C-alpha atoms as a PDB file:
ATOM      1  CA  MET A   1     -38.042 -10.509 -75.121  1.00  0.00           C
ATOM      2  CA  GLY A   2     -37.589  -7.999 -72.342  1.00  0.00           C
ATOM      3  CA  GLY A   3     -34.950  -9.840 -70.276  1.00  0.00           C
ATOM      4  CA  VAL A   4     -31.367  -8.822 -69.680  1.00  0.00           C
ATOM      5  CA  SER A   5     -28.777 -10.911 -71.483  1.00  0.00           C
ATOM      6  CA  PRO A   6     -26.335 -12.833 -69.259  1.00  0.00           C
ATOM      7  CA  ALA A   7     -23.390 -10.959 -70.772  1.00  0.00           C
ATOM      8  CA  ARG A   8     -24.864  -7.622 -69.645  1.00  0.00           C
ATOM      9  CA  ARG A   9     -25.859  -8.747 -66.141  1.00  0.00           C
ATOM     10  CA  ASP A  10     -25.122  -6.176 -63.457  1.00  0.00           C
ATOM     11  CA  PRO A  11     -24.417  -7.956 -60.162  1.00  0.00           C
ATOM     12  CA  GLY A  12     -24.832  -4.697 -58.276  1.00  0.00           C
ATOM     13  CA  LEU A  13     -23.553  -4.878 -54.743  1.00  0.00           C
ATOM     14  CA  GLN A  14     -24.108  -8.607 -54.246  1.00  0.00           C
ATOM     15  CA  PRO A  15     -20.388  -9.564 -54.364  1.00  0.00           C
ATOM     16  CA  GLU A  16     -19.607  -6.750 -51.928  1.00  0.00           C
ATOM     17  CA  ARG A  17     -22.344  -7.863 -49.519  1.00  0.00           C
ATOM     18  CA  THR A  18     -21.108 -11.435 -49.722  1.00  0.00           C
ATOM     19  CA  ARG A  19     -17.525 -10.336 -49.050  1.00  0.00           C
ATOM     20  CA  LEU A  20     -18.661  -8.332 -46.039  1.00  0.00           C
ATOM     21  CA  ALA A  21     -20.657 -11.305 -44.741  1.00  0.00           C
ATOM     22  CA  TRP A  22     -17.541 -13.490 -44.929  1.00  0.00           C
ATOM     23  CA  ARG A  23     -15.590 -10.818 -43.037  1.00  0.00           C
ATOM     24  CA  ARG A  24     -18.255 -10.531 -40.317  1.00  0.00           C
ATOM     25  CA  THR A  25     -18.345 -14.285 -39.863  1.00  0.00           C
ATOM     26  CA  THR A  26     -14.557 -14.412 -39.693  1.00  0.00           C
ATOM     27  CA  LEU A  27     -14.614 -11.691 -37.056  1.00  0.00           C
ATOM     28  CA  SER A  28     -17.177 -13.659 -35.038  1.00  0.00           C
ATOM     29  CA  ALA A  29     -14.998 -16.765 -35.232  1.00  0.00           C
ATOM     30  CA  ALA A  30     -11.984 -14.726 -34.105  1.00  0.00           C
ATOM     31  CA  VAL A  31     -13.923 -13.444 -31.097  1.00  0.00           C
ATOM     32  CA  ALA A  32     -14.938 -17.008 -30.200  1.00  0.00           C
ATOM     33  CA  ALA A  33     -11.307 -18.171 -30.426  1.00  0.00           C
ATOM     34  CA  VAL A  34     -10.060 -15.255 -28.304  1.00  0.00           C
ATOM     35  CA  LEU A  35     -12.755 -15.900 -25.705  1.00  0.00           C
ATOM     36  CA  ALA A  36     -11.767 -19.575 -25.695  1.00  0.00           C
ATOM     37  CA  VAL A  37      -8.179 -18.591 -24.881  1.00  0.00           C
ATOM     38  CA  LYS A  38      -9.345 -16.164 -22.195  1.00  0.00           C
ATOM     39  CA  THR A  39     -11.668 -18.755 -20.639  1.00  0.00           C
ATOM     40  CA  THR A  40      -8.951 -21.394 -20.643  1.00  0.00           C
ATOM     41  CA  LEU A  41      -6.406 -19.137 -18.979  1.00  0.00           C
ATOM     42  CA  HIS A  42      -8.842 -17.710 -16.420  1.00  0.00           C
ATOM     43  CA  GLY A  43      -8.525 -19.603 -13.153  1.00  0.00           C
ATOM     44  CA  GLY A  44      -5.604 -21.715 -14.299  1.00  0.00           C
ATOM     45  CA  PRO A  45      -5.404 -23.870 -17.412  1.00  0.00           C
ATOM     46  CA  THR A  46      -6.416 -27.520 -17.243  1.00  0.00           C
ATOM     47  CA  PRO A  47      -5.335 -30.170 -19.759  1.00  0.00           C
ATOM     48  CA  ALA A  48      -8.909 -30.525 -21.065  1.00  0.00           C
ATOM     49  CA  GLY A  49      -9.312 -26.745 -21.304  1.00  0.00           C
ATOM     50  CA  VAL A  50      -6.052 -26.346 -23.164  1.00  0.00           C
ATOM     51  CA  THR A  51      -7.011 -29.133 -25.578  1.00  0.00           C
ATOM     52  CA  VAL A  52     -10.368 -27.539 -26.366  1.00  0.00           C
ATOM     53  CA  CYS A  53      -8.722 -24.127 -26.669  1.00  0.00           C
ATOM     54  CA  VAL A  54      -6.164 -25.436 -29.154  1.00  0.00           C
ATOM     55  CA  LEU A  55      -8.985 -27.088 -31.102  1.00  0.00           C
ATOM     56  CA  CYS A  56     -10.893 -23.766 -31.154  1.00  0.00           C
ATOM     57  CA  CYS A  57      -7.841 -21.965 -32.500  1.00  0.00           C
ATOM     58  CA  ALA A  58      -7.259 -24.632 -35.153  1.00  0.00           C
ATOM     59  CA  LEU A  59     -10.900 -24.458 -36.246  1.00  0.00           C
ATOM     60  CA  PHE A  60     -10.651 -20.680 -36.466  1.00  0.00           C
ATOM     61  CA  LEU A  61      -7.571 -20.953 -38.664  1.00  0.00           C
ATOM     62  CA  GLY A  62      -9.362 -23.477 -40.905  1.00  0.00           C
ATOM     63  CA  PHE A  63     -12.339 -21.151 -41.271  1.00  0.00           C
ATOM     64  CA  LEU A  64     -10.022 -18.216 -41.893  1.00  0.00           C
ATOM     65  CA  LEU A  65      -8.348 -20.111 -44.726  1.00  0.00           C
ATOM     66  CA  VAL A  66     -11.659 -20.883 -46.452  1.00  0.00           C
ATOM     67  CA  ALA A  67     -12.977 -17.345 -45.904  1.00  0.00           C
ATOM     68  CA  ASN A  68      -9.795 -15.722 -47.209  1.00  0.00           C
ATOM     69  CA  ARG A  69      -9.889 -17.873 -50.332  1.00  0.00           C
ATOM     70  CA  ARG A  70     -13.520 -16.900 -50.956  1.00  0.00           C
ATOM     71  CA  ILE A  71     -12.938 -13.198 -50.307  1.00  0.00           C
ATOM     72  CA  ARG A  72     -10.055 -13.198 -52.808  1.00  0.00           C
ATOM     73  CA  ALA A  73     -12.243 -14.972 -55.385  1.00  0.00           C
ATOM     74  CA  LEU A  74     -14.994 -12.393 -54.909  1.00  0.00           C
ATOM     75  CA  ALA A  75     -12.547  -9.539 -55.417  1.00  0.00           C
ATOM     76  CA  ALA A  76     -10.788 -11.083 -58.417  1.00  0.00           C
ATOM     77  CA  ALA A  77     -13.678 -11.346 -60.855  1.00  0.00           C
ATOM     78  CA  PRO A  78     -16.796  -9.328 -61.579  1.00  0.00           C
ATOM     79  CA  ARG A  79     -18.766 -12.570 -61.618  1.00  0.00           C
ATOM     80  CA  PRO A  80     -16.997 -15.050 -59.324  1.00  0.00           C
ATOM     81  CA  ALA A  81     -17.523 -18.769 -59.566  1.00  0.00           C
ATOM     82  CA  ALA A  82     -19.825 -20.447 -57.090  1.00  0.00           C
ATOM     83  CA  LEU A  83     -18.352 -21.618 -53.815  1.00  0.00           C
ATOM     84  CA  ALA A  84     -17.170 -25.213 -54.155  1.00  0.00           C
ATOM     85  CA  PRO A  85     -19.261 -27.669 -52.102  1.00  0.00           C
ATOM     86  CA  ARG A  86     -16.197 -28.947 -50.249  1.00  0.00           C
ATOM     87  CA  HIS A  87     -15.266 -25.378 -49.246  1.00  0.00           C
ATOM     88  CA  ALA A  88     -18.827 -24.665 -48.125  1.00  0.00           C
ATOM     89  CA  ALA A  89     -18.845 -27.884 -46.093  1.00  0.00           C
ATOM     90  CA  ALA A  90     -15.469 -27.041 -44.543  1.00  0.00           C
ATOM     91  CA  ALA A  91     -16.641 -23.552 -43.573  1.00  0.00           C
ATOM     92  CA  ALA A  92     -19.866 -24.889 -42.060  1.00  0.00           C
ATOM     93  CA  LEU A  93     -18.032 -27.660 -40.199  1.00  0.00           C
ATOM     94  CA  CYS A  94     -15.474 -25.222 -38.769  1.00  0.00           C
ATOM     95  CA  ALA A  95     -18.166 -22.749 -37.692  1.00  0.00           C
ATOM     96  CA  VAL A  96     -20.346 -25.372 -35.989  1.00  0.00           C
ATOM     97  CA  ALA A  97     -17.403 -27.150 -34.362  1.00  0.00           C
ATOM     98  CA  LEU A  98     -16.021 -23.831 -33.123  1.00  0.00           C
ATOM     99  CA  ALA A  99     -19.371 -23.006 -31.536  1.00  0.00           C
ATOM    100  CA  VAL A 100     -19.526 -26.434 -29.872  1.00  0.00           C
ATOM    101  CA  CYS A 101     -15.969 -26.125 -28.544  1.00  0.00           C
ATOM    102  CA  ALA A 102     -16.612 -22.614 -27.259  1.00  0.00           C
ATOM    103  CA  ALA A 103     -19.783 -23.798 -25.528  1.00  0.00           C
ATOM    104  CA  ALA A 104     -17.881 -26.706 -23.971  1.00  0.00           C
ATOM    105  CA  LEU A 105     -15.426 -24.243 -22.433  1.00  0.00           C
ATOM    106  CA  VAL A 106     -18.223 -22.174 -20.915  1.00  0.00           C
ATOM    107  CA  VAL A 107     -19.998 -25.121 -19.332  1.00  0.00           C
END
């Protein structure tokens, strides 16, 4: 059989690309949180604006926690374990909720 055995699998640059994708997404979330703070403070803060801004910052920190855990797992092993479904769901929920909160501040 001409296949490569699982023990000799070369992942190439896939873990590195995945790590970089997590970093880019974290950077995008950070920009959204900073813009939420800027938007809230521009023209005087309102209670609703401050609430949404705090929620944006909390969602960013939640995403940062999941992303940091995944980036460390990718760096720790040549063949890292798959992302746990609960971590994937948490990352997706934080990203979508952050986008909704940021959009609410703009409108």
